[in-house]
Amino acid sequence: MKLKFQKNCIFTPTIKSTAMAKIIIEKLGDEEIEQRGVKNWPIWEKEKSRFDWQYSGDEECLVLEGEVTVETEEGNFEIKKGDFVTFKNGLKCIWDVKKPIKKHYNFP
């Protein structure tokens, strides 16, 4: 694959994952956030806590505040402000909210 860069263009790399990954963490630019309509999605908030969770469908979210460690069979995922995260259907995990979390969320 060959990349083309334009003058004065900002390149924002994303974190890639394997096809089997149940959690995908990316950094989106402002333009992509706008195109996806993320700021119009509902907001969910949770205080510092620890709880089990299972996803019965895909969820995407943009973390606005806070920090959480999501513990899975694949390993632990550190998620923080600015992360755009996709949680895949069937994921079983433990949410360990280190700092109160606030996120926009969507079920595509």
Protein backbone atom coordinates (compact mmCIF):
# COMPACT_ATOMS: atom_id res chain seq x y z
CA MET A 1 0.00 0.00 0.00
CA LYS A 2 1.36 3.39 -0.97
CA LEU A 3 0.46 6.48 1.06
CA LYS A 4 0.11 9.91 -0.52
CA PHE A 5 0.55 12.99 1.63
CA GLN A 6 -0.60 16.47 0.78
CA LYS A 7 1.09 19.63 1.96
CA ASN A 8 -0.30 20.91 5.31
CA CYS A 9 -2.18 17.64 5.86
CA ILE A 10 -2.38 16.20 9.36
CA PHE A 11 -1.93 12.43 9.51
CA THR A 12 -3.48 10.76 12.55
CA PRO A 13 -2.39 7.13 12.94
CA THR A 14 -4.84 4.65 14.39
CA ILE A 15 -4.21 1.60 16.52
CA LYS A 16 -4.87 -1.45 14.37
CA SER A 17 -5.99 -4.76 15.74
CA THR A 18 -6.37 -8.30 14.54
CA ALA A 19 -9.61 -9.52 12.99
CA MET A 20 -10.32 -11.51 16.16
CA ALA A 21 -10.02 -8.52 18.51
CA LYS A 22 -13.08 -7.74 20.60
CA ILE A 23 -11.87 -4.22 21.45
CA ILE A 24 -10.54 -1.75 18.88
CA ILE A 25 -9.05 1.54 20.11
CA GLU A 26 -8.52 4.39 17.65
CA LYS A 27 -7.82 8.11 17.63
CA LEU A 28 -10.20 9.98 15.32
CA GLY A 29 -9.61 13.44 13.94
CA ASP A 30 -12.18 16.20 14.41
CA GLU A 31 -13.36 15.82 10.81
CA GLU A 32 -14.13 12.12 11.19
CA ILE A 33 -15.88 12.73 14.52
CA GLU A 34 -18.05 15.31 12.76
CA GLN A 35 -18.74 13.02 9.76
CA ARG A 36 -19.87 10.17 12.03
CA GLY A 37 -22.13 12.50 14.03
CA VAL A 38 -20.52 11.38 17.29
CA LYS A 39 -21.40 14.58 19.17
CA ASN A 40 -25.10 13.81 18.58
CA TRP A 41 -24.88 10.37 20.23
CA PRO A 42 -26.22 9.89 23.77
CA ILE A 43 -23.87 10.32 26.73
CA TRP A 44 -23.21 7.70 29.43
CA GLU A 45 -21.45 8.44 32.71
CA LYS A 46 -20.18 6.15 35.47
CA GLU A 47 -18.44 6.86 38.77
CA LYS A 48 -15.28 5.10 39.91
CA SER A 49 -16.33 1.43 40.18
CA ARG A 50 -15.69 -2.14 39.07
CA PHE A 51 -18.28 -4.37 37.38
CA ASP A 52 -18.78 -7.29 34.99
CA TRP A 53 -20.20 -6.56 31.52
CA GLN A 54 -21.16 -8.51 28.40
CA TYR A 55 -21.93 -6.96 25.01
CA SER A 56 -25.02 -8.25 23.19
CA GLY A 57 -24.17 -6.21 20.09
CA ASP A 58 -21.39 -3.94 18.81
CA GLU A 59 -20.90 -0.61 20.58
CA GLU A 60 -18.77 2.34 19.52
CA CYS A 61 -17.92 5.19 21.85
CA LEU A 62 -15.82 8.32 22.20
CA VAL A 63 -14.41 8.88 25.68
CA LEU A 64 -14.85 12.49 26.77
CA GLU A 65 -13.48 12.18 30.32
CA GLY A 66 -11.98 9.63 32.66
CA GLU A 67 -9.97 6.43 32.56
CA VAL A 68 -10.98 2.77 32.59
CA THR A 69 -9.19 -0.56 32.36
CA VAL A 70 -11.27 -3.14 30.49
CA GLU A 71 -10.14 -6.64 31.45
CA THR A 72 -10.73 -9.40 28.86
CA GLU A 73 -9.46 -12.87 27.98
CA GLU A 74 -7.28 -11.13 25.33
CA GLY A 75 -5.68 -8.91 27.98
CA ASN A 76 -6.26 -5.55 29.62
CA PHE A 77 -7.10 -2.44 27.61
CA GLU A 78 -6.37 1.03 29.01
CA ILE A 79 -8.97 3.49 27.69
CA LYS A 80 -8.86 7.25 28.32
CA LYS A 81 -10.05 10.64 27.16
CA GLY A 82 -9.92 11.00 23.37
CA ASP A 83 -10.09 7.27 22.59
CA PHE A 84 -12.66 6.05 20.07
CA VAL A 85 -13.42 2.47 21.04
CA THR A 86 -15.37 -0.32 19.35
CA PHE A 87 -16.53 -3.14 21.61
CA LYS A 88 -17.52 -6.20 19.57
CA ASN A 89 -20.61 -8.36 20.01
CA GLY A 90 -20.14 -11.17 22.54
CA LEU A 91 -17.31 -9.51 24.50
CA LYS A 92 -17.26 -10.54 28.17
CA CYS A 93 -15.20 -8.25 30.34
CA ILE A 94 -14.70 -6.44 33.61
CA TRP A 95 -14.82 -2.64 33.64
CA ASP A 96 -12.49 -1.11 36.24
CA VAL A 97 -13.30 2.61 36.18
CA LYS A 98 -10.22 4.37 37.60
CA LYS A 99 -11.48 7.95 37.08
CA PRO A 100 -15.17 8.79 36.49
CA ILE A 101 -15.97 8.12 32.84
CA LYS A 102 -18.09 10.10 30.41
CA LYS A 103 -18.57 8.93 26.83
CA HIS A 104 -20.69 9.35 23.73
CA TYR A 105 -21.97 5.91 22.68
CA ASN A 106 -23.71 4.29 19.71
CA PHE A 107 -24.99 0.84 18.73
CA PRO A 108 -24.47 0.69 14.94
